[in-house]
Structure formats: structure tokens, C-alpha cells
């Protein structure tokens, strides 16, 4: 499998790139900063310089040529303002979907966030509200397309070591999950065509990742 990951230098993406490369997949990480290329190469990933905020879907489609799947793991980050929630968290996800359609890549895995479907009406922090709106609208855009999409909505992300144990479902309650486990879940859904069309929340739990993923449609 050849997978292209948007947000290729993010923590989830780095963990995913390592996992996919170690099992023999071809993996490409989209990065904006050329200085990050060496880090991806050491993990076994191919870096591709691309700016989700300023480059075009036509340019990205050329990078996606020959890919089997794309993963949106990009994000503006906690220190960014309202404007970048729109240009990265929403705009970047839509751009990746546009490029996937142009390149004929049907498989799209979105890293979203838990609770975004509940809306931002009761969120007082304007920046966080903008983030929730951007993620919700990005999810809706991808789900409206004729793509084999999977939407993953993890809870609070931590840098703790992965446990390989999670809880997944329509409504799992609030909780946290290591980024390493989110990466492992992405790798698992990429292996499962039946996960297309699934929206799942994700937190730490007591079910092995492969079993949790299969349980989404069993």
C-alpha cells in the first residue's frame, strides 16, 4: 500500500509513518518545512514538500498519483488563531479531498476530534469554537463526497506510550488517548475496506485495536 499523509511532521503522522514503513508499506509525508525531511526519511517515509494553505489541488494531485490512500492528520495547532483553523483544519482537509478526487484515490482517512458533531454553540472560547466548527465542516465535506472515507474522532491526545487498547464507537464519552494508539488505529482501518463509511470516536480502553476496529461494523 502507498499512503500519503497530510501533516507529515505532526506527532500522529510521525508515529503512523513509522508503523507503516516498518510493515513494508510505502508512505509519503507532506511537509511544509524542508528541514523536517531528514526526520521522515529516518522513519522510512518519503518527504514531499507541500503547503496545504498556499499550494493547489492540482499540485497535490501529482504527489498523490499512484497512491492507494490518503490520511489527513494535519492541524493548525493549539497556538494558532481563528484564521488558521479555517485554512488548515478545514481548508487543508478539503484540499486533500479535492486532490484525491483528481488523482483517483478513493481511500480517505480523516483524523477529526471527539465531540465536533455536537457543535460549538456552548463553547465560550472563540478560538476553540472555531476549531470545532472547522473540524465539523471538514468532516461533513469529506462525507459528502464519493470517497471511501473513514472519520476518526479521538479524545484528548497525549504523548504517553501507546497501550494497544482502546474504546471505539458512536459515543464513547470523554477521555484521552495516546497519539501512538491513534496512529495504530489509522493503520488498522487502512487495512479494513469495510471501515469505509464509518465515523467513530476513540479513547483509551480495554479492547485490542484490531478487535475494536472490526467491532465497528460486526
C-alpha atoms as a PDB file:
ATOM      1  CA  UNK A   1       0.000   0.000   0.000  1.00  0.00           C
ATOM      2  CA  UNK A   2       1.136   3.531  -0.768  1.00  0.00           C
ATOM      3  CA  UNK A   3      -0.283   6.099   1.642  1.00  0.00           C
ATOM      4  CA  UNK A   4       0.140   9.877   1.627  1.00  0.00           C
ATOM      5  CA  UNK A   5      -0.186  11.646   4.977  1.00  0.00           C
ATOM      6  CA  UNK A   6      -1.054  15.336   5.262  1.00  0.00           C
ATOM      7  CA  UNK A   7       0.576  16.923   8.272  1.00  0.00           C
ATOM      8  CA  UNK A   8       3.540  14.620   7.835  1.00  0.00           C
ATOM      9  CA  UNK A   9       5.633  16.081  10.652  1.00  0.00           C
ATOM     10  CA  UNK A  10       2.869  16.029  13.257  1.00  0.00           C
ATOM     11  CA  UNK A  11       3.125  13.633  16.178  1.00  0.00           C
ATOM     12  CA  UNK A  12       0.368  11.295  14.991  1.00  0.00           C
ATOM     13  CA  UNK A  13       1.767  11.322  11.466  1.00  0.00           C
ATOM     14  CA  UNK A  14       5.301  10.526  12.605  1.00  0.00           C
ATOM     15  CA  UNK A  15       4.047   7.542  14.595  1.00  0.00           C
ATOM     16  CA  UNK A  16       1.944   6.382  11.642  1.00  0.00           C
ATOM     17  CA  UNK A  17       4.802   6.777   9.186  1.00  0.00           C
ATOM     18  CA  UNK A  18       6.992   4.588  11.360  1.00  0.00           C
ATOM     19  CA  UNK A  19       4.286   1.922  11.711  1.00  0.00           C
ATOM     20  CA  UNK A  20       3.527   1.779   8.004  1.00  0.00           C
ATOM     21  CA  UNK A  21       7.169   1.780   6.943  1.00  0.00           C
ATOM     22  CA  UNK A  22       8.056  -0.965   9.421  1.00  0.00           C
ATOM     23  CA  UNK A  23       5.407  -3.257   7.974  1.00  0.00           C
ATOM     24  CA  UNK A  24       6.571  -2.639   4.426  1.00  0.00           C
ATOM     25  CA  UNK A  25       4.128  -0.043   3.126  1.00  0.00           C
ATOM     26  CA  UNK A  26       5.209   2.930   1.052  1.00  0.00           C
ATOM     27  CA  UNK A  27       4.478   6.115   2.933  1.00  0.00           C
ATOM     28  CA  UNK A  28       4.744   9.742   1.873  1.00  0.00           C
ATOM     29  CA  UNK A  29       4.561  12.580   4.377  1.00  0.00           C
ATOM     30  CA  UNK A  30       3.515  16.052   3.254  1.00  0.00           C
ATOM     31  CA  UNK A  31       5.642  18.664   4.987  1.00  0.00           C
ATOM     32  CA  UNK A  32       5.877  22.415   4.614  1.00  0.00           C
ATOM     33  CA  UNK A  33       9.374  22.806   6.111  1.00  0.00           C
ATOM     34  CA  UNK A  34      12.195  21.125   4.152  1.00  0.00           C
ATOM     35  CA  UNK A  35      14.223  20.946   7.377  1.00  0.00           C
ATOM     36  CA  UNK A  36      11.910  18.142   8.529  1.00  0.00           C
ATOM     37  CA  UNK A  37      12.731  15.881   5.587  1.00  0.00           C
ATOM     38  CA  UNK A  38      15.577  14.046   7.302  1.00  0.00           C
ATOM     39  CA  UNK A  39      13.376  13.078  10.233  1.00  0.00           C
ATOM     40  CA  UNK A  40      10.815  11.471   7.934  1.00  0.00           C
ATOM     41  CA  UNK A  41      13.488   9.674   5.937  1.00  0.00           C
ATOM     42  CA  UNK A  42      14.922   8.155   9.111  1.00  0.00           C
ATOM     43  CA  UNK A  43      11.484   6.660   9.809  1.00  0.00           C
ATOM     44  CA  UNK A  44      11.363   5.147   6.329  1.00  0.00           C
ATOM     45  CA  UNK A  45       8.961   7.731   4.884  1.00  0.00           C
ATOM     46  CA  UNK A  46       9.336   9.770   1.722  1.00  0.00           C
ATOM     47  CA  UNK A  47       9.024  13.507   2.389  1.00  0.00           C
ATOM     48  CA  UNK A  48       7.097  15.657  -0.092  1.00  0.00           C
ATOM     49  CA  UNK A  49       7.230  19.430   0.218  1.00  0.00           C
ATOM     50  CA  UNK A  50       3.703  20.830   0.062  1.00  0.00           C
ATOM     51  CA  UNK A  51       1.936  23.756   1.735  1.00  0.00           C
ATOM     52  CA  UNK A  52      -1.716  22.976   2.472  1.00  0.00           C
ATOM     53  CA  UNK A  53      -2.508  26.669   2.902  1.00  0.00           C
ATOM     54  CA  UNK A  54      -0.892  28.041  -0.244  1.00  0.00           C
ATOM     55  CA  UNK A  55      -0.391  25.290  -2.836  1.00  0.00           C
ATOM     56  CA  UNK A  56      -3.080  23.908  -5.139  1.00  0.00           C
ATOM     57  CA  UNK A  57      -5.120  20.744  -5.508  1.00  0.00           C
ATOM     58  CA  UNK A  58      -3.624  20.269  -8.967  1.00  0.00           C
ATOM     59  CA  UNK A  59      -0.118  20.278  -7.499  1.00  0.00           C
ATOM     60  CA  UNK A  60      -1.125  17.908  -4.732  1.00  0.00           C
ATOM     61  CA  UNK A  61      -2.819  15.515  -7.162  1.00  0.00           C
ATOM     62  CA  UNK A  62       0.563  14.982  -8.822  1.00  0.00           C
ATOM     63  CA  UNK A  63       2.003  13.875  -5.462  1.00  0.00           C
ATOM     64  CA  UNK A  64      -0.973  11.570  -4.911  1.00  0.00           C
ATOM     65  CA  UNK A  65      -0.579   9.861  -8.286  1.00  0.00           C
ATOM     66  CA  UNK A  66      -0.264   6.124  -7.675  1.00  0.00           C
ATOM     67  CA  UNK A  67      -1.338   6.311  -4.014  1.00  0.00           C
ATOM     68  CA  UNK A  68      -3.817   3.858  -2.519  1.00  0.00           C
ATOM     69  CA  UNK A  69      -4.909   6.041   0.402  1.00  0.00           C
ATOM     70  CA  UNK A  70      -4.615   9.489   1.927  1.00  0.00           C
ATOM     71  CA  UNK A  71      -4.691  10.405   5.605  1.00  0.00           C
ATOM     72  CA  UNK A  72      -5.493  13.870   6.924  1.00  0.00           C
ATOM     73  CA  UNK A  73      -3.501  14.271  10.137  1.00  0.00           C
ATOM     74  CA  UNK A  74      -2.723  17.964   9.790  1.00  0.00           C
ATOM     75  CA  UNK A  75      -3.748  20.668  12.218  1.00  0.00           C
ATOM     76  CA  UNK A  76      -3.102  24.318  12.856  1.00  0.00           C
ATOM     77  CA  UNK A  77      -2.058  23.502  16.421  1.00  0.00           C
ATOM     78  CA  UNK A  78      -3.067  24.836  19.834  1.00  0.00           C
ATOM     79  CA  UNK A  79      -1.128  28.085  19.473  1.00  0.00           C
ATOM     80  CA  UNK A  80      -2.812  29.145  16.245  1.00  0.00           C
ATOM     81  CA  UNK A  81      -5.589  31.669  15.801  1.00  0.00           C
ATOM     82  CA  UNK A  82      -9.059  31.501  14.316  1.00  0.00           C
ATOM     83  CA  UNK A  83      -7.899  32.180  10.756  1.00  0.00           C
ATOM     84  CA  UNK A  84      -5.630  29.130  10.633  1.00  0.00           C
ATOM     85  CA  UNK A  85      -8.355  26.865  11.981  1.00  0.00           C
ATOM     86  CA  UNK A  86     -10.148  27.644   8.718  1.00  0.00           C
ATOM     87  CA  UNK A  87      -7.149  27.429   6.396  1.00  0.00           C
ATOM     88  CA  UNK A  88      -5.631  24.248   7.861  1.00  0.00           C
ATOM     89  CA  UNK A  89      -8.203  22.240   9.808  1.00  0.00           C
ATOM     90  CA  UNK A  90     -10.951  22.916   7.279  1.00  0.00           C
ATOM     91  CA  UNK A  91      -9.238  24.143   4.122  1.00  0.00           C
ATOM     92  CA  UNK A  92      -6.431  21.599   4.220  1.00  0.00           C
ATOM     93  CA  UNK A  93      -8.839  18.692   4.614  1.00  0.00           C
ATOM     94  CA  UNK A  94     -10.966  19.898   1.699  1.00  0.00           C
ATOM     95  CA  UNK A  95      -7.879  20.464  -0.456  1.00  0.00           C
ATOM     96  CA  UNK A  96      -6.712  16.904   0.220  1.00  0.00           C
ATOM     97  CA  UNK A  97     -10.135  15.581  -0.763  1.00  0.00           C
ATOM     98  CA  UNK A  98     -10.122  17.668  -3.957  1.00  0.00           C
ATOM     99  CA  UNK A  99      -6.688  16.339  -4.850  1.00  0.00           C
ATOM    100  CA  UNK A 100      -7.667  12.756  -4.033  1.00  0.00           C
ATOM    101  CA  UNK A 101     -10.618  13.010  -6.414  1.00  0.00           C
ATOM    102  CA  UNK A 102      -8.397  14.430  -9.148  1.00  0.00           C
ATOM    103  CA  UNK A 103      -5.819  11.659  -8.662  1.00  0.00           C
ATOM    104  CA  UNK A 104      -8.400   8.869  -8.423  1.00  0.00           C
ATOM    105  CA  UNK A 105      -7.517   7.979  -4.833  1.00  0.00           C
ATOM    106  CA  UNK A 106     -10.715   6.777  -3.172  1.00  0.00           C
ATOM    107  CA  UNK A 107      -9.494   5.905   0.344  1.00  0.00           C
ATOM    108  CA  UNK A 108      -9.519   8.869   2.737  1.00  0.00           C
ATOM    109  CA  UNK A 109      -8.965   8.620   6.494  1.00  0.00           C
ATOM    110  CA  UNK A 110      -9.693  11.771   8.481  1.00  0.00           C
ATOM    111  CA  UNK A 111      -8.291  12.477  11.929  1.00  0.00           C
ATOM    112  CA  UNK A 112     -11.036  14.633  13.412  1.00  0.00           C
ATOM    113  CA  UNK A 113     -11.804  15.279  17.096  1.00  0.00           C
ATOM    114  CA  UNK A 114     -14.249  13.922  19.631  1.00  0.00           C
ATOM    115  CA  UNK A 115     -17.453  15.887  20.080  1.00  0.00           C
ATOM    116  CA  UNK A 116     -17.173  18.104  16.999  1.00  0.00           C
ATOM    117  CA  UNK A 117     -20.546  16.861  15.756  1.00  0.00           C
ATOM    118  CA  UNK A 118     -22.173  18.414  18.819  1.00  0.00           C
ATOM    119  CA  UNK A 119     -21.367  21.914  17.618  1.00  0.00           C
ATOM    120  CA  UNK A 120     -19.747  24.965  19.183  1.00  0.00           C
ATOM    121  CA  UNK A 121     -22.781  26.887  20.426  1.00  0.00           C
ATOM    122  CA  UNK A 122     -21.924  26.416  24.101  1.00  0.00           C
ATOM    123  CA  UNK A 123     -18.153  26.893  23.774  1.00  0.00           C
ATOM    124  CA  UNK A 124     -17.059  30.221  25.217  1.00  0.00           C
ATOM    125  CA  UNK A 125     -13.505  30.219  23.896  1.00  0.00           C
ATOM    126  CA  UNK A 126     -13.752  31.706  20.381  1.00  0.00           C
ATOM    127  CA  UNK A 127     -10.620  30.013  19.074  1.00  0.00           C
ATOM    128  CA  UNK A 128     -11.666  26.581  20.277  1.00  0.00           C
ATOM    129  CA  UNK A 129     -15.156  27.162  18.904  1.00  0.00           C
ATOM    130  CA  UNK A 130     -13.617  27.991  15.527  1.00  0.00           C
ATOM    131  CA  UNK A 131     -11.600  24.772  15.703  1.00  0.00           C
ATOM    132  CA  UNK A 132     -14.708  22.693  16.424  1.00  0.00           C
ATOM    133  CA  UNK A 133     -16.592  24.367  13.575  1.00  0.00           C
ATOM    134  CA  UNK A 134     -13.692  23.814  11.186  1.00  0.00           C
ATOM    135  CA  UNK A 135     -13.382  20.123  12.046  1.00  0.00           C
ATOM    136  CA  UNK A 136     -17.137  19.542  11.869  1.00  0.00           C
ATOM    137  CA  UNK A 137     -17.397  21.222   8.484  1.00  0.00           C
ATOM    138  CA  UNK A 138     -14.353  19.357   7.169  1.00  0.00           C
ATOM    139  CA  UNK A 139     -15.901  16.053   8.240  1.00  0.00           C
ATOM    140  CA  UNK A 140     -19.162  16.970   6.529  1.00  0.00           C
ATOM    141  CA  UNK A 141     -17.394  17.924   3.305  1.00  0.00           C
ATOM    142  CA  UNK A 142     -15.473  14.657   3.119  1.00  0.00           C
ATOM    143  CA  UNK A 143     -18.553  12.598   3.984  1.00  0.00           C
ATOM    144  CA  UNK A 144     -20.499  14.293   1.175  1.00  0.00           C
ATOM    145  CA  UNK A 145     -18.058  13.001  -1.441  1.00  0.00           C
ATOM    146  CA  UNK A 146     -17.952   9.779  -3.390  1.00  0.00           C
ATOM    147  CA  UNK A 147     -14.873   8.605  -1.497  1.00  0.00           C
ATOM    148  CA  UNK A 148     -14.203   5.584   0.709  1.00  0.00           C
ATOM    149  CA  UNK A 149     -13.830   7.715   3.817  1.00  0.00           C
ATOM    150  CA  UNK A 150     -13.379   6.868   7.480  1.00  0.00           C
ATOM    151  CA  UNK A 151     -13.714   9.604  10.114  1.00  0.00           C
ATOM    152  CA  UNK A 152     -11.833   9.019  13.380  1.00  0.00           C
ATOM    153  CA  UNK A 153     -12.611  11.316  16.318  1.00  0.00           C
ATOM    154  CA  UNK A 154     -10.043  10.817  19.088  1.00  0.00           C
ATOM    155  CA  UNK A 155     -10.394  12.267  22.549  1.00  0.00           C
ATOM    156  CA  UNK A 156      -7.735  14.337  24.287  1.00  0.00           C
ATOM    157  CA  UNK A 157      -4.358  13.475  22.785  1.00  0.00           C
ATOM    158  CA  UNK A 158      -1.415  12.549  24.991  1.00  0.00           C
ATOM    159  CA  UNK A 159       2.229  11.705  24.412  1.00  0.00           C
ATOM    160  CA  UNK A 160       2.031   8.648  26.669  1.00  0.00           C
ATOM    161  CA  UNK A 161       3.274   5.358  25.195  1.00  0.00           C
ATOM    162  CA  UNK A 162       0.603   3.509  23.278  1.00  0.00           C
ATOM    163  CA  UNK A 163      -1.130   0.643  25.048  1.00  0.00           C
ATOM    164  CA  UNK A 164      -2.756  -1.021  22.046  1.00  0.00           C
ATOM    165  CA  UNK A 165      -6.073  -0.914  23.934  1.00  0.00           C
ATOM    166  CA  UNK A 166      -8.905   1.458  23.015  1.00  0.00           C
ATOM    167  CA  UNK A 167     -12.642   2.058  23.123  1.00  0.00           C
ATOM    168  CA  UNK A 168     -14.318   2.975  19.822  1.00  0.00           C
ATOM    169  CA  UNK A 169     -17.918   3.702  18.883  1.00  0.00           C
ATOM    170  CA  UNK A 170     -20.557   6.303  18.113  1.00  0.00           C
ATOM    171  CA  UNK A 171     -20.457   7.891  21.571  1.00  0.00           C
ATOM    172  CA  UNK A 172     -17.698   6.729  23.930  1.00  0.00           C
ATOM    173  CA  UNK A 173     -17.793   9.593  26.402  1.00  0.00           C
ATOM    174  CA  UNK A 174     -14.949  11.959  27.085  1.00  0.00           C
ATOM    175  CA  UNK A 175     -11.452  10.643  27.624  1.00  0.00           C
ATOM    176  CA  UNK A 176      -7.879  10.690  26.442  1.00  0.00           C
ATOM    177  CA  UNK A 177      -5.825   8.538  24.104  1.00  0.00           C
ATOM    178  CA  UNK A 178      -2.105   8.365  23.288  1.00  0.00           C
ATOM    179  CA  UNK A 179      -1.157   9.602  19.842  1.00  0.00           C
ATOM    180  CA  UNK A 180       0.637   6.302  19.273  1.00  0.00           C
ATOM    181  CA  UNK A 181      -2.662   4.458  19.673  1.00  0.00           C
ATOM    182  CA  UNK A 182      -4.406   6.838  17.272  1.00  0.00           C
ATOM    183  CA  UNK A 183      -1.695   6.065  14.700  1.00  0.00           C
ATOM    184  CA  UNK A 184      -2.184   2.328  15.261  1.00  0.00           C
ATOM    185  CA  UNK A 185      -5.937   2.696  14.749  1.00  0.00           C
ATOM    186  CA  UNK A 186      -5.347   4.548  11.472  1.00  0.00           C
ATOM    187  CA  UNK A 187      -3.067   1.751  10.300  1.00  0.00           C
ATOM    188  CA  UNK A 188      -5.741  -0.787  11.232  1.00  0.00           C
ATOM    189  CA  UNK A 189      -8.565   0.974   9.371  1.00  0.00           C
ATOM    190  CA  UNK A 190      -6.372   1.331   6.300  1.00  0.00           C
ATOM    191  CA  UNK A 191      -6.252  -2.475   6.262  1.00  0.00           C
ATOM    192  CA  UNK A 192     -10.040  -2.797   6.507  1.00  0.00           C
ATOM    193  CA  UNK A 193     -12.089  -1.804   3.427  1.00  0.00           C
ATOM    194  CA  UNK A 194     -15.236  -2.375   5.483  1.00  0.00           C
ATOM    195  CA  UNK A 195     -14.330   0.615   7.657  1.00  0.00           C
ATOM    196  CA  UNK A 196     -15.248   2.901   4.753  1.00  0.00           C
ATOM    197  CA  UNK A 197     -18.290   4.971   5.651  1.00  0.00           C
ATOM    198  CA  UNK A 198     -17.635   4.650   9.390  1.00  0.00           C
ATOM    199  CA  UNK A 199     -17.492   7.556  11.866  1.00  0.00           C
ATOM    200  CA  UNK A 200     -16.000   6.531  15.216  1.00  0.00           C
ATOM    201  CA  UNK A 201     -14.982   8.226  18.426  1.00  0.00           C
ATOM    202  CA  UNK A 202     -11.817   6.910  20.036  1.00  0.00           C
ATOM    203  CA  UNK A 203     -10.390   6.930  23.556  1.00  0.00           C
ATOM    204  CA  UNK A 204      -8.221   4.618  25.611  1.00  0.00           C
ATOM    205  CA  UNK A 205      -9.987   1.483  26.767  1.00  0.00           C
ATOM    206  CA  UNK A 206      -9.605  -2.252  27.197  1.00  0.00           C
ATOM    207  CA  UNK A 207     -10.168  -3.633  23.687  1.00  0.00           C
ATOM    208  CA  UNK A 208      -7.311  -4.563  21.368  1.00  0.00           C
ATOM    209  CA  UNK A 209      -7.135  -2.158  18.441  1.00  0.00           C
ATOM    210  CA  UNK A 210      -7.767  -4.757  15.725  1.00  0.00           C
ATOM    211  CA  UNK A 211     -10.819  -6.046  17.601  1.00  0.00           C
ATOM    212  CA  UNK A 212     -12.099  -2.518  18.263  1.00  0.00           C
ATOM    213  CA  UNK A 213     -11.832  -1.619  14.598  1.00  0.00           C
ATOM    214  CA  UNK A 214     -13.555  -4.801  13.463  1.00  0.00           C
ATOM    215  CA  UNK A 215     -16.269  -4.207  16.047  1.00  0.00           C
ATOM    216  CA  UNK A 216     -17.336  -1.021  14.297  1.00  0.00           C
ATOM    217  CA  UNK A 217     -19.301  -2.989  11.707  1.00  0.00           C
ATOM    218  CA  UNK A 218     -19.515  -6.511  13.161  1.00  0.00           C
END
